[in-house]
Amino acid sequence: MGEWTRRCAPGLDEIEAMAEAARAALPVAFAAQAAGIVLRVEDFASDEMLDEMQIEDGFELTGLYDGIPLTQKSVMDQLIGPDVIWLFRRPILDEWAARGDIALGALVAHVMVHEMAHHFGWSDDDIAAIDRWWE
């Protein structure tokens, strides 16, 4: 028991390092496009994000892609800002604890890759057809 008294939950920097490791492990075919996405890690999604997604409980959102998918981008688009992947530490930790059967790094990588798939233009249905991980 004493071993756990000196341990703390992983911080924002540690979650970010796990996500960056997942980005670095992407296949070469995706590496260039993935490199241009900004990664942001926060404890929770902002109230504005939750309102926009019609989510009441901040623990329900582990990650979010904010940008224009590559399949919809045009040279005519005016750049508003870079594409961003948001990861939310507290909901990720909550899911990790509730599952109890997966390494935290694997969960962070999965959320990161899921959001990255939206950047490449895949819908949630496309991702679900390929990736049954959440079941």
C-alpha atoms as a PDB file:
ATOM      1  CA  MET A   1       0.000   0.000   0.000  1.00  0.00           C
ATOM      2  CA  GLY A   2       2.814   2.439   0.793  1.00  0.00           C
ATOM      3  CA  GLU A   3       3.974   2.228  -2.816  1.00  0.00           C
ATOM      4  CA  TRP A   4       0.809   4.042  -3.936  1.00  0.00           C
ATOM      5  CA  THR A   5       1.010   6.832  -1.374  1.00  0.00           C
ATOM      6  CA  ARG A   6       3.786   8.522  -3.350  1.00  0.00           C
ATOM      7  CA  ARG A   7       2.170   8.200  -6.771  1.00  0.00           C
ATOM      8  CA  CYS A   8       0.238  10.899  -8.594  1.00  0.00           C
ATOM      9  CA  ALA A   9      -2.038  10.710 -11.605  1.00  0.00           C
ATOM     10  CA  PRO A  10      -0.228  11.453 -14.871  1.00  0.00           C
ATOM     11  CA  GLY A  11      -0.195  15.156 -15.644  1.00  0.00           C
ATOM     12  CA  LEU A  12      -0.894  17.009 -18.867  1.00  0.00           C
ATOM     13  CA  ASP A  13       2.736  16.708 -20.010  1.00  0.00           C
ATOM     14  CA  GLU A  14       2.742  12.942 -19.521  1.00  0.00           C
ATOM     15  CA  ILE A  15      -0.495  12.506 -21.485  1.00  0.00           C
ATOM     16  CA  GLU A  16       0.948  14.729 -24.219  1.00  0.00           C
ATOM     17  CA  ALA A  17       4.114  12.605 -24.359  1.00  0.00           C
ATOM     18  CA  MET A  18       1.988   9.454 -24.771  1.00  0.00           C
ATOM     19  CA  ALA A  19       0.024  11.106 -27.590  1.00  0.00           C
ATOM     20  CA  GLU A  20       3.201  12.278 -29.322  1.00  0.00           C
ATOM     21  CA  ALA A  21       4.561   8.720 -29.120  1.00  0.00           C
ATOM     22  CA  ALA A  22       1.378   7.535 -30.873  1.00  0.00           C
ATOM     23  CA  ARG A  23       1.848  10.181 -33.582  1.00  0.00           C
ATOM     24  CA  ALA A  24       5.481   9.101 -34.058  1.00  0.00           C
ATOM     25  CA  ALA A  25       4.337   5.482 -34.470  1.00  0.00           C
ATOM     26  CA  LEU A  26       1.961   6.264 -37.359  1.00  0.00           C
ATOM     27  CA  PRO A  27       2.724   4.600 -40.693  1.00  0.00           C
ATOM     28  CA  VAL A  28       4.995   6.641 -42.973  1.00  0.00           C
ATOM     29  CA  ALA A  29       2.101   7.290 -45.378  1.00  0.00           C
ATOM     30  CA  PHE A  30       0.366   9.407 -42.709  1.00  0.00           C
ATOM     31  CA  ALA A  31       3.394  10.990 -41.028  1.00  0.00           C
ATOM     32  CA  ALA A  32       3.670  14.192 -43.087  1.00  0.00           C
ATOM     33  CA  GLN A  33      -0.001  15.146 -42.747  1.00  0.00           C
ATOM     34  CA  ALA A  34      -0.034  14.193 -39.053  1.00  0.00           C
ATOM     35  CA  ALA A  35       3.001  16.353 -38.305  1.00  0.00           C
ATOM     36  CA  GLY A  36       1.101  19.552 -39.111  1.00  0.00           C
ATOM     37  CA  ILE A  37      -1.637  19.003 -36.551  1.00  0.00           C
ATOM     38  CA  VAL A  38      -1.336  20.920 -33.294  1.00  0.00           C
ATOM     39  CA  LEU A  39      -1.832  18.810 -30.168  1.00  0.00           C
ATOM     40  CA  ARG A  40      -3.468  20.337 -27.101  1.00  0.00           C
ATOM     41  CA  VAL A  41      -3.996  18.495 -23.832  1.00  0.00           C
ATOM     42  CA  GLU A  42      -6.318  19.945 -21.208  1.00  0.00           C
ATOM     43  CA  ASP A  43      -8.009  18.537 -18.143  1.00  0.00           C
ATOM     44  CA  PHE A  44     -11.483  18.952 -19.676  1.00  0.00           C
ATOM     45  CA  ALA A  45     -13.108  20.316 -22.814  1.00  0.00           C
ATOM     46  CA  SER A  46     -14.218  23.921 -22.526  1.00  0.00           C
ATOM     47  CA  ASP A  47     -17.869  24.721 -21.896  1.00  0.00           C
ATOM     48  CA  GLU A  48     -18.055  26.106 -25.448  1.00  0.00           C
ATOM     49  CA  MET A  49     -16.804  22.815 -26.918  1.00  0.00           C
ATOM     50  CA  LEU A  50     -19.236  20.786 -24.838  1.00  0.00           C
ATOM     51  CA  ASP A  51     -22.129  23.076 -25.785  1.00  0.00           C
ATOM     52  CA  GLU A  52     -21.238  22.868 -29.479  1.00  0.00           C
ATOM     53  CA  MET A  53     -21.161  19.068 -29.290  1.00  0.00           C
ATOM     54  CA  GLN A  54     -24.338  19.012 -27.160  1.00  0.00           C
ATOM     55  CA  ILE A  55     -22.552  17.137 -24.383  1.00  0.00           C
ATOM     56  CA  GLU A  56     -23.584  17.874 -20.817  1.00  0.00           C
ATOM     57  CA  ASP A  57     -20.994  15.839 -18.919  1.00  0.00           C
ATOM     58  CA  GLY A  58     -17.361  16.778 -19.513  1.00  0.00           C
ATOM     59  CA  PHE A  59     -16.306  13.231 -18.638  1.00  0.00           C
ATOM     60  CA  GLU A  60     -17.958  11.987 -21.842  1.00  0.00           C
ATOM     61  CA  LEU A  61     -15.444  13.632 -24.187  1.00  0.00           C
ATOM     62  CA  THR A  62     -11.926  12.179 -24.259  1.00  0.00           C
ATOM     63  CA  GLY A  63     -10.761  13.832 -27.469  1.00  0.00           C
ATOM     64  CA  LEU A  64     -11.793  16.165 -30.265  1.00  0.00           C
ATOM     65  CA  TYR A  65     -10.552  17.000 -33.752  1.00  0.00           C
ATOM     66  CA  ASP A  66     -10.978  20.680 -34.574  1.00  0.00           C
ATOM     67  CA  GLY A  67     -10.231  21.424 -38.191  1.00  0.00           C
ATOM     68  CA  ILE A  68     -11.132  20.691 -41.778  1.00  0.00           C
ATOM     69  CA  PRO A  69     -10.594  17.050 -42.809  1.00  0.00           C
ATOM     70  CA  LEU A  70      -8.103  16.580 -45.633  1.00  0.00           C
ATOM     71  CA  THR A  71     -10.889  15.192 -47.835  1.00  0.00           C
ATOM     72  CA  GLN A  72     -12.720  18.531 -47.580  1.00  0.00           C
ATOM     73  CA  LYS A  73      -9.824  20.997 -47.780  1.00  0.00           C
ATOM     74  CA  SER A  74      -9.468  23.263 -50.764  1.00  0.00           C
ATOM     75  CA  VAL A  75      -6.811  25.696 -51.882  1.00  0.00           C
ATOM     76  CA  MET A  76      -9.630  28.246 -51.755  1.00  0.00           C
ATOM     77  CA  ASP A  77     -10.085  27.787 -47.969  1.00  0.00           C
ATOM     78  CA  GLN A  78      -9.066  30.736 -45.856  1.00  0.00           C
ATOM     79  CA  LEU A  79      -6.925  29.563 -43.015  1.00  0.00           C
ATOM     80  CA  ILE A  80      -8.562  30.307 -39.682  1.00  0.00           C
ATOM     81  CA  GLY A  81      -5.916  28.465 -37.742  1.00  0.00           C
ATOM     82  CA  PRO A  82      -4.173  25.134 -37.669  1.00  0.00           C
ATOM     83  CA  ASP A  83      -5.991  21.838 -37.303  1.00  0.00           C
ATOM     84  CA  VAL A  84      -5.958  20.825 -33.650  1.00  0.00           C
ATOM     85  CA  ILE A  85      -6.404  17.562 -31.805  1.00  0.00           C
ATOM     86  CA  TRP A  86      -7.605  18.074 -28.255  1.00  0.00           C
ATOM     87  CA  LEU A  87      -7.125  15.356 -25.649  1.00  0.00           C
ATOM     88  CA  PHE A  88      -8.847  15.647 -22.298  1.00  0.00           C
ATOM     89  CA  ARG A  89      -6.849  14.187 -19.431  1.00  0.00           C
ATOM     90  CA  ARG A  90      -9.511  13.711 -16.763  1.00  0.00           C
ATOM     91  CA  PRO A  91     -12.023  11.872 -18.998  1.00  0.00           C
ATOM     92  CA  ILE A  92      -9.187   9.702 -20.352  1.00  0.00           C
ATOM     93  CA  LEU A  93      -8.055   8.850 -16.811  1.00  0.00           C
ATOM     94  CA  ASP A  94     -11.651   8.178 -15.797  1.00  0.00           C
ATOM     95  CA  GLU A  95     -12.171   5.773 -18.704  1.00  0.00           C
ATOM     96  CA  TRP A  96      -8.831   4.100 -18.031  1.00  0.00           C
ATOM     97  CA  ALA A  97      -9.759   3.524 -14.378  1.00  0.00           C
ATOM     98  CA  ALA A  98     -13.251   2.282 -15.279  1.00  0.00           C
ATOM     99  CA  ARG A  99     -11.896  -0.176 -17.861  1.00  0.00           C
ATOM    100  CA  GLY A 100      -9.128  -1.526 -15.698  1.00  0.00           C
ATOM    101  CA  ASP A 101      -7.948  -3.800 -18.515  1.00  0.00           C
ATOM    102  CA  ILE A 102      -5.757  -1.611 -20.719  1.00  0.00           C
ATOM    103  CA  ALA A 103      -2.544   0.337 -20.316  1.00  0.00           C
ATOM    104  CA  LEU A 104      -2.989   4.098 -20.116  1.00  0.00           C
ATOM    105  CA  GLY A 105      -0.569   4.660 -22.990  1.00  0.00           C
ATOM    106  CA  ALA A 106      -2.644   2.356 -25.197  1.00  0.00           C
ATOM    107  CA  LEU A 107      -5.837   4.275 -24.386  1.00  0.00           C
ATOM    108  CA  VAL A 108      -4.190   7.647 -25.056  1.00  0.00           C
ATOM    109  CA  ALA A 109      -2.814   6.300 -28.356  1.00  0.00           C
ATOM    110  CA  HIS A 110      -6.231   5.008 -29.344  1.00  0.00           C
ATOM    111  CA  VAL A 111      -7.935   8.354 -28.648  1.00  0.00           C
ATOM    112  CA  MET A 112      -5.160  10.178 -30.533  1.00  0.00           C
ATOM    113  CA  VAL A 113      -5.411   7.891 -33.568  1.00  0.00           C
ATOM    114  CA  HIS A 114      -9.226   8.126 -33.520  1.00  0.00           C
ATOM    115  CA  GLU A 115      -9.032  11.940 -33.684  1.00  0.00           C
ATOM    116  CA  MET A 116      -6.274  11.739 -36.303  1.00  0.00           C
ATOM    117  CA  ALA A 117      -8.602   9.585 -38.437  1.00  0.00           C
ATOM    118  CA  HIS A 118     -11.084  12.482 -38.495  1.00  0.00           C
ATOM    119  CA  HIS A 119      -8.280  14.675 -39.875  1.00  0.00           C
ATOM    120  CA  PHE A 120      -7.866  12.168 -42.704  1.00  0.00           C
ATOM    121  CA  GLY A 121     -11.591  12.422 -43.447  1.00  0.00           C
ATOM    122  CA  TRP A 122     -12.954   9.306 -41.820  1.00  0.00           C
ATOM    123  CA  SER A 123     -16.374   9.531 -40.176  1.00  0.00           C
ATOM    124  CA  ASP A 124     -17.153   7.903 -36.828  1.00  0.00           C
ATOM    125  CA  ASP A 125     -18.952   5.155 -38.779  1.00  0.00           C
ATOM    126  CA  ASP A 126     -15.863   4.594 -40.982  1.00  0.00           C
ATOM    127  CA  ILE A 127     -13.656   4.336 -37.906  1.00  0.00           C
ATOM    128  CA  ALA A 128     -16.087   1.995 -36.145  1.00  0.00           C
ATOM    129  CA  ALA A 129     -16.222  -0.311 -39.173  1.00  0.00           C
ATOM    130  CA  ILE A 130     -12.445  -0.688 -39.078  1.00  0.00           C
ATOM    131  CA  ASP A 131     -11.756  -0.367 -35.366  1.00  0.00           C
ATOM    132  CA  ARG A 132     -13.917  -2.412 -32.976  1.00  0.00           C
ATOM    133  CA  TRP A 133     -11.694  -1.412 -30.028  1.00  0.00           C
ATOM    134  CA  TRP A 134     -14.422   0.491 -28.202  1.00  0.00           C
ATOM    135  CA  GLU A 135     -16.793  -2.490 -28.083  1.00  0.00           C
END
